[in-house]
Protein backbone atom coordinates (compact mmCIF):
# COMPACT_ATOMS: atom_id res chain seq x y z
CA UNK A 1 0.00 0.00 0.00
CA UNK A 2 2.74 2.51 0.91
CA UNK A 3 4.64 1.70 -2.26
CA UNK A 4 1.46 2.37 -4.23
CA UNK A 5 0.92 5.70 -2.50
CA UNK A 6 4.56 6.66 -3.13
CA UNK A 7 4.19 5.75 -6.79
CA UNK A 8 1.05 7.88 -7.03
CA UNK A 9 2.77 10.86 -5.38
CA UNK A 10 5.67 10.58 -7.79
CA UNK A 11 3.39 10.45 -10.85
CA UNK A 12 1.24 13.47 -9.94
CA UNK A 13 1.83 16.97 -11.17
CA UNK A 14 3.51 19.25 -8.61
CA UNK A 15 0.35 21.41 -8.66
CA UNK A 16 -2.00 18.48 -7.96
CA UNK A 17 -3.87 18.15 -4.69
CA UNK A 18 -2.76 15.29 -2.44
CA UNK A 19 -4.71 13.03 -0.11
CA UNK A 20 -3.70 12.66 3.51
CA UNK A 21 -2.28 9.24 2.65
CA UNK A 22 -0.05 10.69 -0.04
CA UNK A 23 1.12 13.56 2.19
CA UNK A 24 1.78 11.13 5.02
CA UNK A 25 3.95 9.01 2.75
CA UNK A 26 5.72 11.98 1.19
CA UNK A 27 6.57 13.61 4.53
CA UNK A 28 7.14 10.34 6.42
CA UNK A 29 4.68 11.47 9.10
CA UNK A 30 1.72 9.33 10.27
CA UNK A 31 -1.73 10.46 9.20
CA UNK A 32 -2.89 10.94 12.79
CA UNK A 33 0.00 13.38 13.32
CA UNK A 34 -1.11 15.42 10.31
CA UNK A 35 -4.65 15.57 11.72
CA UNK A 36 -3.23 16.55 15.13
CA UNK A 37 -1.17 19.35 13.55
CA UNK A 38 -4.30 20.55 11.78
CA UNK A 39 -5.89 21.12 15.19
CA UNK A 40 -2.80 22.88 16.58
CA UNK A 41 -1.97 25.10 13.60
CA UNK A 42 -4.90 27.13 12.27
CA UNK A 43 -2.84 27.88 9.14
CA UNK A 44 -3.21 24.27 7.93
CA UNK A 45 -6.44 24.28 5.96
CA UNK A 46 -6.80 21.35 3.59
CA UNK A 47 -9.80 21.29 1.31
CA UNK A 48 -12.40 18.90 2.71
CA UNK A 49 -14.80 17.09 0.42
CA UNK A 50 -17.98 15.20 1.25
CA UNK A 51 -17.32 12.61 3.90
CA UNK A 52 -14.49 14.71 5.38
CA UNK A 53 -11.79 13.53 2.97
CA UNK A 54 -8.84 15.93 3.04
CA UNK A 55 -7.04 17.23 -0.02
CA UNK A 56 -3.82 19.17 0.50
CA UNK A 57 -2.73 21.87 -1.94
CA UNK A 58 0.99 22.18 -2.77
CA UNK A 59 1.26 25.19 -0.42
CA UNK A 60 -0.32 23.09 2.37
CA UNK A 61 2.33 20.40 1.82
CA UNK A 62 5.11 23.02 1.92
CA UNK A 63 3.71 24.38 5.19
CA UNK A 64 3.47 20.89 6.69
CA UNK A 65 7.03 20.14 5.57
CA UNK A 66 8.19 23.38 7.20
CA UNK A 67 6.37 22.55 10.43
CA UNK A 68 7.92 19.09 10.38
CA UNK A 69 11.39 20.57 9.88
CA UNK A 70 10.94 22.97 12.80
CA UNK A 71 9.60 20.26 15.10
CA UNK A 72 11.82 17.32 14.17
CA UNK A 73 15.02 18.82 12.82
CA UNK A 74 15.22 22.09 14.72
CA UNK A 75 13.73 20.77 17.96
CA UNK A 76 10.96 23.35 18.38
CA UNK A 77 7.90 22.61 20.50
CA UNK A 78 4.36 23.01 19.16
CA UNK A 79 4.13 26.37 20.95
CA UNK A 80 7.51 27.34 19.52
CA UNK A 81 6.33 26.64 15.97
CA UNK A 82 3.11 28.56 16.65
CA UNK A 83 5.25 31.52 17.74
CA UNK A 84 7.39 31.25 14.59
CA UNK A 85 4.22 31.26 12.51
CA UNK A 86 2.95 34.37 14.36
CA UNK A 87 6.28 36.22 14.27
CA UNK A 88 7.75 35.19 10.93
CA UNK A 89 4.60 34.25 9.04
CA UNK A 90 3.21 31.46 6.95
CA UNK A 91 5.45 32.19 3.97
CA UNK A 92 8.60 31.81 6.07
CA UNK A 93 7.60 28.36 7.36
CA UNK A 94 6.42 27.26 3.90
CA UNK A 95 9.77 28.38 2.45
CA UNK A 96 11.53 26.26 5.09
CA UNK A 97 9.41 23.38 3.82
CA UNK A 98 10.39 24.01 0.21
CA UNK A 99 14.07 24.15 1.22
CA UNK A 100 13.67 20.97 3.26
CA UNK A 101 12.23 19.21 0.20
CA UNK A 102 15.44 19.97 -1.70
CA UNK A 103 17.61 18.20 0.90
CA UNK A 104 18.49 14.74 -0.29
CA UNK A 105 18.76 11.96 2.26
CA UNK A 106 20.64 8.71 1.80
CA UNK A 107 18.64 6.04 -0.02
CA UNK A 108 16.87 3.56 2.20
CA UNK A 109 16.89 5.77 5.30
CA UNK A 110 13.69 7.05 6.81
CA UNK A 111 13.38 10.79 7.14
CA UNK A 112 13.07 10.53 10.92
CA UNK A 113 16.46 8.78 11.05
CA UNK A 114 18.03 11.37 8.80
CA UNK A 115 16.85 14.48 10.66
CA UNK A 116 16.74 13.17 14.24
CA UNK A 117 18.50 15.51 16.66
CA UNK A 118 21.59 14.17 18.44
CA UNK A 119 20.82 12.34 21.64
CA UNK A 120 21.63 13.60 25.11
CA UNK A 121 23.97 11.02 26.70
CA UNK A 122 22.31 11.17 30.12
CA UNK A 123 18.97 10.11 28.60
CA UNK A 124 20.57 7.19 26.80
CA UNK A 125 22.26 5.97 30.01
CA UNK A 126 19.06 6.31 32.03
CA UNK A 127 17.01 4.53 29.38
CA UNK A 128 19.57 1.73 29.13
CA UNK A 129 19.38 1.20 32.89
CA UNK A 130 15.57 1.03 32.73
CA UNK A 131 15.64 -1.43 29.83
CA UNK A 132 18.22 -3.63 31.52
CA UNK A 133 16.24 -3.70 34.77
CA UNK A 134 13.07 -4.60 32.92
CA UNK A 135 14.38 -7.09 30.37
CA UNK A 136 17.95 -8.02 31.24
CA UNK A 137 21.16 -6.71 29.69
CA UNK A 138 20.83 -8.40 26.32
CA UNK A 139 17.06 -8.43 25.87
CA UNK A 140 17.00 -6.11 22.87
CA UNK A 141 20.61 -5.87 21.73
CA UNK A 142 20.50 -9.31 20.09
CA UNK A 143 17.88 -8.18 17.60
CA UNK A 144 18.51 -4.46 17.14
CA UNK A 145 21.52 -2.57 15.88
CA UNK A 146 23.33 -0.43 18.42
CA UNK A 147 21.96 2.70 16.76
CA UNK A 148 18.38 1.39 16.92
CA UNK A 149 18.93 0.38 20.52
CA UNK A 150 20.20 3.84 21.44
CA UNK A 151 17.26 5.54 19.69
CA UNK A 152 14.79 3.35 21.56
CA UNK A 153 16.55 4.09 24.83
CA UNK A 154 16.27 7.82 24.21
CA UNK A 155 12.63 7.53 23.23
CA UNK A 156 11.86 5.55 26.37
CA UNK A 157 13.55 8.11 28.59
CA UNK A 158 11.65 10.94 26.90
CA UNK A 159 8.36 9.08 27.31
CA UNK A 160 9.06 8.44 30.98
CA UNK A 161 9.80 12.13 31.49
CA UNK A 162 6.53 13.05 29.80
CA UNK A 163 4.67 10.51 31.91
CA UNK A 164 6.09 12.11 35.07
CA UNK A 165 5.04 15.55 33.87
CA UNK A 166 1.53 14.33 33.10
CA UNK A 167 1.22 12.79 36.54
CA UNK A 168 2.14 16.18 38.00
CA UNK A 169 -0.65 17.84 36.00
CA UNK A 170 -3.44 15.57 37.23
CA UNK A 171 -5.93 17.35 39.45
CA UNK A 172 -5.71 16.26 43.06
CA UNK A 173 -8.86 14.57 44.36
CA UNK A 174 -10.45 16.27 47.34
CA UNK A 175 -10.94 14.01 50.32
C-alpha atoms as a PDB file:
ATOM      1  CA  UNK A   1       0.000   0.000   0.000  1.00  0.00           C
ATOM      2  CA  UNK A   2       2.744   2.506   0.907  1.00  0.00           C
ATOM      3  CA  UNK A   3       4.640   1.696  -2.263  1.00  0.00           C
ATOM      4  CA  UNK A   4       1.455   2.369  -4.230  1.00  0.00           C
ATOM      5  CA  UNK A   5       0.923   5.702  -2.503  1.00  0.00           C
ATOM      6  CA  UNK A   6       4.556   6.659  -3.126  1.00  0.00           C
ATOM      7  CA  UNK A   7       4.189   5.751  -6.793  1.00  0.00           C
ATOM      8  CA  UNK A   8       1.046   7.885  -7.034  1.00  0.00           C
ATOM      9  CA  UNK A   9       2.765  10.864  -5.383  1.00  0.00           C
ATOM     10  CA  UNK A  10       5.672  10.583  -7.795  1.00  0.00           C
ATOM     11  CA  UNK A  11       3.392  10.450 -10.850  1.00  0.00           C
ATOM     12  CA  UNK A  12       1.238  13.473  -9.937  1.00  0.00           C
ATOM     13  CA  UNK A  13       1.835  16.966 -11.173  1.00  0.00           C
ATOM     14  CA  UNK A  14       3.515  19.248  -8.613  1.00  0.00           C
ATOM     15  CA  UNK A  15       0.353  21.412  -8.662  1.00  0.00           C
ATOM     16  CA  UNK A  16      -1.997  18.483  -7.957  1.00  0.00           C
ATOM     17  CA  UNK A  17      -3.873  18.151  -4.692  1.00  0.00           C
ATOM     18  CA  UNK A  18      -2.756  15.291  -2.444  1.00  0.00           C
ATOM     19  CA  UNK A  19      -4.711  13.029  -0.112  1.00  0.00           C
ATOM     20  CA  UNK A  20      -3.700  12.656   3.515  1.00  0.00           C
ATOM     21  CA  UNK A  21      -2.282   9.241   2.655  1.00  0.00           C
ATOM     22  CA  UNK A  22      -0.052  10.694  -0.042  1.00  0.00           C
ATOM     23  CA  UNK A  23       1.121  13.556   2.185  1.00  0.00           C
ATOM     24  CA  UNK A  24       1.779  11.134   5.019  1.00  0.00           C
ATOM     25  CA  UNK A  25       3.952   9.010   2.754  1.00  0.00           C
ATOM     26  CA  UNK A  26       5.722  11.983   1.192  1.00  0.00           C
ATOM     27  CA  UNK A  27       6.566  13.606   4.535  1.00  0.00           C
ATOM     28  CA  UNK A  28       7.137  10.338   6.420  1.00  0.00           C
ATOM     29  CA  UNK A  29       4.678  11.469   9.101  1.00  0.00           C
ATOM     30  CA  UNK A  30       1.721   9.329  10.275  1.00  0.00           C
ATOM     31  CA  UNK A  31      -1.729  10.465   9.204  1.00  0.00           C
ATOM     32  CA  UNK A  32      -2.891  10.945  12.793  1.00  0.00           C
ATOM     33  CA  UNK A  33      -0.004  13.384  13.322  1.00  0.00           C
ATOM     34  CA  UNK A  34      -1.113  15.416  10.309  1.00  0.00           C
ATOM     35  CA  UNK A  35      -4.651  15.569  11.722  1.00  0.00           C
ATOM     36  CA  UNK A  36      -3.227  16.551  15.133  1.00  0.00           C
ATOM     37  CA  UNK A  37      -1.173  19.353  13.549  1.00  0.00           C
ATOM     38  CA  UNK A  38      -4.302  20.551  11.780  1.00  0.00           C
ATOM     39  CA  UNK A  39      -5.885  21.120  15.190  1.00  0.00           C
ATOM     40  CA  UNK A  40      -2.797  22.884  16.584  1.00  0.00           C
ATOM     41  CA  UNK A  41      -1.966  25.103  13.604  1.00  0.00           C
ATOM     42  CA  UNK A  42      -4.898  27.128  12.269  1.00  0.00           C
ATOM     43  CA  UNK A  43      -2.844  27.879   9.144  1.00  0.00           C
ATOM     44  CA  UNK A  44      -3.206  24.272   7.935  1.00  0.00           C
ATOM     45  CA  UNK A  45      -6.437  24.281   5.965  1.00  0.00           C
ATOM     46  CA  UNK A  46      -6.797  21.351   3.585  1.00  0.00           C
ATOM     47  CA  UNK A  47      -9.800  21.294   1.309  1.00  0.00           C
ATOM     48  CA  UNK A  48     -12.404  18.900   2.707  1.00  0.00           C
ATOM     49  CA  UNK A  49     -14.803  17.093   0.423  1.00  0.00           C
ATOM     50  CA  UNK A  50     -17.975  15.203   1.255  1.00  0.00           C
ATOM     51  CA  UNK A  51     -17.318  12.610   3.904  1.00  0.00           C
ATOM     52  CA  UNK A  52     -14.493  14.711   5.382  1.00  0.00           C
ATOM     53  CA  UNK A  53     -11.790  13.531   2.972  1.00  0.00           C
ATOM     54  CA  UNK A  54      -8.843  15.932   3.041  1.00  0.00           C
ATOM     55  CA  UNK A  55      -7.043  17.233  -0.020  1.00  0.00           C
ATOM     56  CA  UNK A  56      -3.823  19.172   0.496  1.00  0.00           C
ATOM     57  CA  UNK A  57      -2.733  21.871  -1.942  1.00  0.00           C
ATOM     58  CA  UNK A  58       0.994  22.176  -2.766  1.00  0.00           C
ATOM     59  CA  UNK A  59       1.261  25.193  -0.418  1.00  0.00           C
ATOM     60  CA  UNK A  60      -0.316  23.094   2.368  1.00  0.00           C
ATOM     61  CA  UNK A  61       2.328  20.404   1.824  1.00  0.00           C
ATOM     62  CA  UNK A  62       5.106  23.025   1.923  1.00  0.00           C
ATOM     63  CA  UNK A  63       3.707  24.382   5.193  1.00  0.00           C
ATOM     64  CA  UNK A  64       3.473  20.886   6.687  1.00  0.00           C
ATOM     65  CA  UNK A  65       7.026  20.138   5.571  1.00  0.00           C
ATOM     66  CA  UNK A  66       8.192  23.384   7.204  1.00  0.00           C
ATOM     67  CA  UNK A  67       6.373  22.547  10.429  1.00  0.00           C
ATOM     68  CA  UNK A  68       7.919  19.085  10.382  1.00  0.00           C
ATOM     69  CA  UNK A  69      11.390  20.570   9.883  1.00  0.00           C
ATOM     70  CA  UNK A  70      10.938  22.975  12.800  1.00  0.00           C
ATOM     71  CA  UNK A  71       9.599  20.258  15.095  1.00  0.00           C
ATOM     72  CA  UNK A  72      11.820  17.315  14.167  1.00  0.00           C
ATOM     73  CA  UNK A  73      15.023  18.815  12.819  1.00  0.00           C
ATOM     74  CA  UNK A  74      15.225  22.092  14.723  1.00  0.00           C
ATOM     75  CA  UNK A  75      13.728  20.774  17.961  1.00  0.00           C
ATOM     76  CA  UNK A  76      10.955  23.350  18.377  1.00  0.00           C
ATOM     77  CA  UNK A  77       7.900  22.607  20.499  1.00  0.00           C
ATOM     78  CA  UNK A  78       4.360  23.011  19.164  1.00  0.00           C
ATOM     79  CA  UNK A  79       4.133  26.372  20.952  1.00  0.00           C
ATOM     80  CA  UNK A  80       7.506  27.344  19.518  1.00  0.00           C
ATOM     81  CA  UNK A  81       6.333  26.635  15.971  1.00  0.00           C
ATOM     82  CA  UNK A  82       3.115  28.555  16.654  1.00  0.00           C
ATOM     83  CA  UNK A  83       5.255  31.520  17.740  1.00  0.00           C
ATOM     84  CA  UNK A  84       7.390  31.248  14.586  1.00  0.00           C
ATOM     85  CA  UNK A  85       4.217  31.258  12.506  1.00  0.00           C
ATOM     86  CA  UNK A  86       2.953  34.367  14.363  1.00  0.00           C
ATOM     87  CA  UNK A  87       6.276  36.218  14.271  1.00  0.00           C
ATOM     88  CA  UNK A  88       7.752  35.192  10.926  1.00  0.00           C
ATOM     89  CA  UNK A  89       4.599  34.249   9.038  1.00  0.00           C
ATOM     90  CA  UNK A  90       3.207  31.457   6.953  1.00  0.00           C
ATOM     91  CA  UNK A  91       5.454  32.186   3.974  1.00  0.00           C
ATOM     92  CA  UNK A  92       8.598  31.813   6.074  1.00  0.00           C
ATOM     93  CA  UNK A  93       7.603  28.361   7.357  1.00  0.00           C
ATOM     94  CA  UNK A  94       6.416  27.258   3.902  1.00  0.00           C
ATOM     95  CA  UNK A  95       9.767  28.382   2.448  1.00  0.00           C
ATOM     96  CA  UNK A  96      11.526  26.262   5.088  1.00  0.00           C
ATOM     97  CA  UNK A  97       9.412  23.382   3.822  1.00  0.00           C
ATOM     98  CA  UNK A  98      10.391  24.011   0.209  1.00  0.00           C
ATOM     99  CA  UNK A  99      14.068  24.149   1.217  1.00  0.00           C
ATOM    100  CA  UNK A 100      13.674  20.967   3.257  1.00  0.00           C
ATOM    101  CA  UNK A 101      12.228  19.214   0.199  1.00  0.00           C
ATOM    102  CA  UNK A 102      15.442  19.965  -1.700  1.00  0.00           C
ATOM    103  CA  UNK A 103      17.609  18.202   0.899  1.00  0.00           C
ATOM    104  CA  UNK A 104      18.494  14.743  -0.287  1.00  0.00           C
ATOM    105  CA  UNK A 105      18.758  11.964   2.260  1.00  0.00           C
ATOM    106  CA  UNK A 106      20.643   8.705   1.802  1.00  0.00           C
ATOM    107  CA  UNK A 107      18.637   6.041  -0.019  1.00  0.00           C
ATOM    108  CA  UNK A 108      16.875   3.560   2.204  1.00  0.00           C
ATOM    109  CA  UNK A 109      16.889   5.769   5.304  1.00  0.00           C
ATOM    110  CA  UNK A 110      13.690   7.050   6.812  1.00  0.00           C
ATOM    111  CA  UNK A 111      13.385  10.790   7.138  1.00  0.00           C
ATOM    112  CA  UNK A 112      13.067  10.534  10.921  1.00  0.00           C
ATOM    113  CA  UNK A 113      16.457   8.779  11.046  1.00  0.00           C
ATOM    114  CA  UNK A 114      18.028  11.368   8.802  1.00  0.00           C
ATOM    115  CA  UNK A 115      16.852  14.479  10.660  1.00  0.00           C
ATOM    116  CA  UNK A 116      16.739  13.166  14.245  1.00  0.00           C
ATOM    117  CA  UNK A 117      18.502  15.507  16.664  1.00  0.00           C
ATOM    118  CA  UNK A 118      21.587  14.175  18.440  1.00  0.00           C
ATOM    119  CA  UNK A 119      20.824  12.339  21.644  1.00  0.00           C
ATOM    120  CA  UNK A 120      21.631  13.602  25.107  1.00  0.00           C
ATOM    121  CA  UNK A 121      23.966  11.020  26.698  1.00  0.00           C
ATOM    122  CA  UNK A 122      22.314  11.172  30.122  1.00  0.00           C
ATOM    123  CA  UNK A 123      18.966  10.111  28.604  1.00  0.00           C
ATOM    124  CA  UNK A 124      20.573   7.193  26.803  1.00  0.00           C
ATOM    125  CA  UNK A 125      22.262   5.973  30.011  1.00  0.00           C
ATOM    126  CA  UNK A 126      19.062   6.313  32.027  1.00  0.00           C
ATOM    127  CA  UNK A 127      17.014   4.535  29.381  1.00  0.00           C
ATOM    128  CA  UNK A 128      19.568   1.733  29.127  1.00  0.00           C
ATOM    129  CA  UNK A 129      19.384   1.200  32.890  1.00  0.00           C
ATOM    130  CA  UNK A 130      15.574   1.033  32.730  1.00  0.00           C
ATOM    131  CA  UNK A 131      15.643  -1.432  29.831  1.00  0.00           C
ATOM    132  CA  UNK A 132      18.217  -3.630  31.517  1.00  0.00           C
ATOM    133  CA  UNK A 133      16.240  -3.697  34.773  1.00  0.00           C
ATOM    134  CA  UNK A 134      13.066  -4.601  32.917  1.00  0.00           C
ATOM    135  CA  UNK A 135      14.383  -7.090  30.366  1.00  0.00           C
ATOM    136  CA  UNK A 136      17.945  -8.022  31.245  1.00  0.00           C
ATOM    137  CA  UNK A 137      21.163  -6.705  29.694  1.00  0.00           C
ATOM    138  CA  UNK A 138      20.834  -8.400  26.319  1.00  0.00           C
ATOM    139  CA  UNK A 139      17.061  -8.429  25.873  1.00  0.00           C
ATOM    140  CA  UNK A 140      16.999  -6.108  22.867  1.00  0.00           C
ATOM    141  CA  UNK A 141      20.608  -5.868  21.733  1.00  0.00           C
ATOM    142  CA  UNK A 142      20.505  -9.307  20.091  1.00  0.00           C
ATOM    143  CA  UNK A 143      17.876  -8.176  17.599  1.00  0.00           C
ATOM    144  CA  UNK A 144      18.513  -4.458  17.140  1.00  0.00           C
ATOM    145  CA  UNK A 145      21.521  -2.569  15.876  1.00  0.00           C
ATOM    146  CA  UNK A 146      23.332  -0.425  18.419  1.00  0.00           C
ATOM    147  CA  UNK A 147      21.963   2.697  16.758  1.00  0.00           C
ATOM    148  CA  UNK A 148      18.382   1.386  16.924  1.00  0.00           C
ATOM    149  CA  UNK A 149      18.935   0.378  20.520  1.00  0.00           C
ATOM    150  CA  UNK A 150      20.197   3.843  21.436  1.00  0.00           C
ATOM    151  CA  UNK A 151      17.261   5.538  19.687  1.00  0.00           C
ATOM    152  CA  UNK A 152      14.788   3.347  21.565  1.00  0.00           C
ATOM    153  CA  UNK A 153      16.545   4.093  24.826  1.00  0.00           C
ATOM    154  CA  UNK A 154      16.275   7.819  24.211  1.00  0.00           C
ATOM    155  CA  UNK A 155      12.631   7.527  23.230  1.00  0.00           C
ATOM    156  CA  UNK A 156      11.856   5.548  26.366  1.00  0.00           C
ATOM    157  CA  UNK A 157      13.552   8.113  28.592  1.00  0.00           C
ATOM    158  CA  UNK A 158      11.647  10.939  26.898  1.00  0.00           C
ATOM    159  CA  UNK A 159       8.364   9.083  27.314  1.00  0.00           C
ATOM    160  CA  UNK A 160       9.060   8.436  30.981  1.00  0.00           C
ATOM    161  CA  UNK A 161       9.797  12.126  31.494  1.00  0.00           C
ATOM    162  CA  UNK A 162       6.527  13.055  29.803  1.00  0.00           C
ATOM    163  CA  UNK A 163       4.672  10.512  31.912  1.00  0.00           C
ATOM    164  CA  UNK A 164       6.086  12.106  35.070  1.00  0.00           C
ATOM    165  CA  UNK A 165       5.043  15.552  33.868  1.00  0.00           C
ATOM    166  CA  UNK A 166       1.532  14.335  33.097  1.00  0.00           C
ATOM    167  CA  UNK A 167       1.224  12.792  36.538  1.00  0.00           C
ATOM    168  CA  UNK A 168       2.138  16.176  38.001  1.00  0.00           C
ATOM    169  CA  UNK A 169      -0.647  17.838  35.997  1.00  0.00           C
ATOM    170  CA  UNK A 170      -3.439  15.569  37.234  1.00  0.00           C
ATOM    171  CA  UNK A 171      -5.932  17.353  39.447  1.00  0.00           C
ATOM    172  CA  UNK A 172      -5.706  16.261  43.061  1.00  0.00           C
ATOM    173  CA  UNK A 173      -8.864  14.572  44.362  1.00  0.00           C
ATOM    174  CA  UNK A 174     -10.449  16.269  47.342  1.00  0.00           C
ATOM    175  CA  UNK A 175     -10.937  14.014  50.321  1.00  0.00           C
END
